[in-house]
């Protein structure tokens, strides 16, 4: 209630091949899309999503294709894609609380050179892209 959203982290058990992901719950009540990020550790994902969610609450809804230049301290930009409806089950707590997922966006992070997975990405950490690359 104090912040307007909560974060849910989903991390594979040891030996599982799934990717960790973290998502918001509560932005729906503010008529905003929920947010998800794949492939980051809990601390990094939480910091990223809290910053992006706060910016969205202050400045308005993020759309697919938006780039966020003011989140990462090293100047790299983030990208936003629509979450593929086939992946909506990943946001299980949103479904539990609201009955359905009205809208969600994936926040996509770049490699150390600022490249996204659909570009000449060079990163040892995997990142699943749920929706269609906007660029």
Foldseek 3Di string as FASTA:
>chain_A
DVLQKDKDWDPDDPPDPDWIKMKIAGCVVVVEAIEMWTQDDPVVRVLQRSVVSVCCSVPHYDAAADWAQPRDPVRAIKGKHWAAPVCQVVVVVNCVVVVGHPGYIYIFAAAPVNDGPVGPGDDPTDTDDRHDRPD
